[in-house]
Amino acid sequence: TAVSAELDDEDDDGDDRRQRAAWEVDVLAGDGTWHDVRVDAVTGKVLGSERDDDEDDTAEVRAALKGTSVDAAAAARAAAGHGTVTSVELDEDGHYGDGKPAWEVETYASGKGEREW
């Protein structure tokens, strides 16, 4: 399950193999392992993935996912009318600090800059 995705359109990590924007996606697998997946922003092709052993909030994230009625893709589609989606992230504590899990989606629109939904 995708838990977060961020559009990386800058070569600020020294990775000169990348020639265009890519999504950096955090995925929680069914067996509880975490994976960092890079996806080409134009073609949708998986550019690479690696296991991430640094995540320690698996139980909290699983509980939050059960409390949501939509997935990351649906949340992104819902916000896409406001501009180009640049990130999607599960907020386990709720967008308004109300304790209800929610998806936070950031968009960018010319003349409006970045906005969070």
C-alpha atoms as a PDB file:
ATOM      1  CA  THR A   1       0.000   0.000   0.000  1.00  0.00           C
ATOM      2  CA  ALA A   2       1.372   3.404  -0.945  1.00  0.00           C
ATOM      3  CA  VAL A   3       1.621   5.514   2.205  1.00  0.00           C
ATOM      4  CA  SER A   4       3.267   8.596   0.702  1.00  0.00           C
ATOM      5  CA  ALA A   5       4.455   9.874  -2.646  1.00  0.00           C
ATOM      6  CA  GLU A   6       6.451  12.971  -3.438  1.00  0.00           C
ATOM      7  CA  LEU A   7       7.330  14.377  -6.831  1.00  0.00           C
ATOM      8  CA  ASP A   8      11.088  14.894  -7.031  1.00  0.00           C
ATOM      9  CA  ASP A   9      11.862  17.143  -9.971  1.00  0.00           C
ATOM     10  CA  GLU A  10      15.231  18.405  -8.770  1.00  0.00           C
ATOM     11  CA  ASP A  11      18.605  16.695  -8.974  1.00  0.00           C
ATOM     12  CA  ASP A  12      19.492  17.668  -5.424  1.00  0.00           C
ATOM     13  CA  ASP A  13      20.590  14.241  -4.264  1.00  0.00           C
ATOM     14  CA  GLY A  14      23.542  13.818  -6.611  1.00  0.00           C
ATOM     15  CA  ASP A  15      21.795  11.084  -8.586  1.00  0.00           C
ATOM     16  CA  ASP A  16      22.909  12.028 -12.084  1.00  0.00           C
ATOM     17  CA  ARG A  17      21.193   8.936 -13.559  1.00  0.00           C
ATOM     18  CA  ARG A  18      17.852  10.700 -13.321  1.00  0.00           C
ATOM     19  CA  GLN A  19      17.058  12.831 -16.328  1.00  0.00           C
ATOM     20  CA  ARG A  20      13.480  13.784 -15.508  1.00  0.00           C
ATOM     21  CA  ALA A  21      11.038  14.017 -12.633  1.00  0.00           C
ATOM     22  CA  ALA A  22      10.251  10.908 -10.618  1.00  0.00           C
ATOM     23  CA  TRP A  23       7.870  10.021  -7.834  1.00  0.00           C
ATOM     24  CA  GLU A  24       9.460   8.797  -4.610  1.00  0.00           C
ATOM     25  CA  VAL A  25       6.912   6.433  -3.070  1.00  0.00           C
ATOM     26  CA  ASP A  26       6.931   4.836   0.395  1.00  0.00           C
ATOM     27  CA  VAL A  27       5.177   1.467   0.239  1.00  0.00           C
ATOM     28  CA  LEU A  28       4.109  -0.723   3.146  1.00  0.00           C
ATOM     29  CA  ALA A  29       3.932  -4.336   1.942  1.00  0.00           C
ATOM     30  CA  GLY A  30       1.476  -6.910   3.250  1.00  0.00           C
ATOM     31  CA  ASP A  31       4.228  -8.628   5.237  1.00  0.00           C
ATOM     32  CA  GLY A  32       5.058  -5.391   7.103  1.00  0.00           C
ATOM     33  CA  THR A  33       8.192  -4.501   5.161  1.00  0.00           C
ATOM     34  CA  TRP A  34       8.721  -0.985   3.845  1.00  0.00           C
ATOM     35  CA  HIS A  35      10.028  -0.190   0.379  1.00  0.00           C
ATOM     36  CA  ASP A  36      11.221   3.016  -1.266  1.00  0.00           C
ATOM     37  CA  VAL A  37      10.101   2.967  -4.897  1.00  0.00           C
ATOM     38  CA  ARG A  38      11.075   5.452  -7.644  1.00  0.00           C
ATOM     39  CA  VAL A  39       8.541   5.843 -10.439  1.00  0.00           C
ATOM     40  CA  ASP A  40       9.040   7.815 -13.660  1.00  0.00           C
ATOM     41  CA  ALA A  41       6.595  10.731 -13.483  1.00  0.00           C
ATOM     42  CA  VAL A  42       5.919  10.624 -17.225  1.00  0.00           C
ATOM     43  CA  THR A  43       5.720   6.924 -18.074  1.00  0.00           C
ATOM     44  CA  GLY A  44       4.778   5.395 -14.717  1.00  0.00           C
ATOM     45  CA  LYS A  45       7.628   2.897 -15.111  1.00  0.00           C
ATOM     46  CA  VAL A  46       9.271   1.726 -11.889  1.00  0.00           C
ATOM     47  CA  LEU A  47      12.850   2.987 -12.005  1.00  0.00           C
ATOM     48  CA  GLY A  48      14.020   1.127  -8.941  1.00  0.00           C
ATOM     49  CA  SER A  49      13.164   0.086  -5.432  1.00  0.00           C
ATOM     50  CA  GLU A  50      14.893  -0.838  -2.240  1.00  0.00           C
ATOM     51  CA  ARG A  51      13.838  -2.172   1.112  1.00  0.00           C
ATOM     52  CA  ASP A  52      13.688   0.451   3.852  1.00  0.00           C
ATOM     53  CA  ASP A  53      14.480  -0.976   7.272  1.00  0.00           C
ATOM     54  CA  ASP A  54      14.382   2.414   9.020  1.00  0.00           C
ATOM     55  CA  GLU A  55      10.596   2.684   9.352  1.00  0.00           C
ATOM     56  CA  ASP A  56       9.350   1.906  12.847  1.00  0.00           C
ATOM     57  CA  ASP A  57       5.716   3.011  12.802  1.00  0.00           C
ATOM     58  CA  THR A  58       4.224   0.075  10.903  1.00  0.00           C
ATOM     59  CA  ALA A  59       1.440  -0.680  13.421  1.00  0.00           C
ATOM     60  CA  GLU A  60       0.390   2.974  13.617  1.00  0.00           C
ATOM     61  CA  VAL A  61       0.303   3.304   9.830  1.00  0.00           C
ATOM     62  CA  ARG A  62      -1.680   0.072   9.391  1.00  0.00           C
ATOM     63  CA  ALA A  63      -4.256   1.312  11.924  1.00  0.00           C
ATOM     64  CA  ALA A  64      -4.484   4.666  10.142  1.00  0.00           C
ATOM     65  CA  LEU A  65      -4.937   2.997   6.751  1.00  0.00           C
ATOM     66  CA  LYS A  66      -7.875   1.026   8.135  1.00  0.00           C
ATOM     67  CA  GLY A  67      -9.425   4.325   9.244  1.00  0.00           C
ATOM     68  CA  THR A  68      -9.394   5.882   5.781  1.00  0.00           C
ATOM     69  CA  SER A  69     -12.141   5.472   3.217  1.00  0.00           C
ATOM     70  CA  VAL A  70      -9.931   6.163   0.170  1.00  0.00           C
ATOM     71  CA  ASP A  71      -6.387   5.316  -0.893  1.00  0.00           C
ATOM     72  CA  ALA A  72      -3.532   7.644  -1.890  1.00  0.00           C
ATOM     73  CA  ALA A  73      -4.447   7.557  -5.587  1.00  0.00           C
ATOM     74  CA  ALA A  74      -8.062   8.562  -4.925  1.00  0.00           C
ATOM     75  CA  ALA A  75      -6.924  11.394  -2.655  1.00  0.00           C
ATOM     76  CA  ALA A  76      -4.580  12.650  -5.387  1.00  0.00           C
ATOM     77  CA  ARG A  77      -7.345  12.497  -8.001  1.00  0.00           C
ATOM     78  CA  ALA A  78      -9.672  14.461  -5.718  1.00  0.00           C
ATOM     79  CA  ALA A  79      -7.128  17.289  -5.366  1.00  0.00           C
ATOM     80  CA  ALA A  80      -5.923  17.264  -8.988  1.00  0.00           C
ATOM     81  CA  GLY A  81      -8.516  19.836 -10.025  1.00  0.00           C
ATOM     82  CA  HIS A  82      -6.674  22.386  -7.897  1.00  0.00           C
ATOM     83  CA  GLY A  83      -3.357  22.021  -9.747  1.00  0.00           C
ATOM     84  CA  THR A  84      -0.518  19.585 -10.320  1.00  0.00           C
ATOM     85  CA  VAL A  85      -0.259  17.124  -7.451  1.00  0.00           C
ATOM     86  CA  THR A  86       3.254  17.245  -5.980  1.00  0.00           C
ATOM     87  CA  SER A  87       2.846  15.057  -2.899  1.00  0.00           C
ATOM     88  CA  VAL A  88       0.427  12.758  -1.095  1.00  0.00           C
ATOM     89  CA  GLU A  89       0.973  11.617   2.475  1.00  0.00           C
ATOM     90  CA  LEU A  90      -1.027   9.745   5.083  1.00  0.00           C
ATOM     91  CA  ASP A  91      -1.410  11.835   8.239  1.00  0.00           C
ATOM     92  CA  GLU A  92      -2.051   9.336  11.011  1.00  0.00           C
ATOM     93  CA  ASP A  93      -3.206  12.080  13.424  1.00  0.00           C
ATOM     94  CA  GLY A  94      -5.620  13.741  11.038  1.00  0.00           C
ATOM     95  CA  HIS A  95      -5.379  16.789   8.865  1.00  0.00           C
ATOM     96  CA  TYR A  96      -6.918  18.983  11.546  1.00  0.00           C
ATOM     97  CA  GLY A  97      -5.344  17.268  14.542  1.00  0.00           C
ATOM     98  CA  ASP A  98      -8.650  15.564  15.273  1.00  0.00           C
ATOM     99  CA  GLY A  99      -7.175  12.074  15.469  1.00  0.00           C
ATOM    100  CA  LYS A 100      -8.950  10.917  12.303  1.00  0.00           C
ATOM    101  CA  PRO A 101      -6.474   9.632   9.692  1.00  0.00           C
ATOM    102  CA  ALA A 102      -6.498  11.704   6.515  1.00  0.00           C
ATOM    103  CA  TRP A 103      -4.552  12.095   3.297  1.00  0.00           C
ATOM    104  CA  GLU A 104      -2.654  15.363   2.895  1.00  0.00           C
ATOM    105  CA  VAL A 105      -2.241  16.338  -0.740  1.00  0.00           C
ATOM    106  CA  GLU A 106      -0.092  19.215  -1.985  1.00  0.00           C
ATOM    107  CA  THR A 107      -0.714  20.822  -5.351  1.00  0.00           C
ATOM    108  CA  TYR A 108       1.030  23.485  -7.378  1.00  0.00           C
ATOM    109  CA  ALA A 109      -0.798  25.870  -9.680  1.00  0.00           C
ATOM    110  CA  SER A 110       0.727  28.721 -11.651  1.00  0.00           C
ATOM    111  CA  GLY A 111      -0.108  32.003  -9.975  1.00  0.00           C
ATOM    112  CA  LYS A 112      -1.304  30.244  -6.827  1.00  0.00           C
ATOM    113  CA  GLY A 113       1.864  28.454  -5.753  1.00  0.00           C
ATOM    114  CA  GLU A 114       1.765  25.417  -3.504  1.00  0.00           C
ATOM    115  CA  ARG A 115      -1.347  24.587  -1.531  1.00  0.00           C
ATOM    116  CA  GLU A 116      -2.224  21.783   0.856  1.00  0.00           C
ATOM    117  CA  TRP A 117      -5.567  19.991   0.796  1.00  0.00           C
END
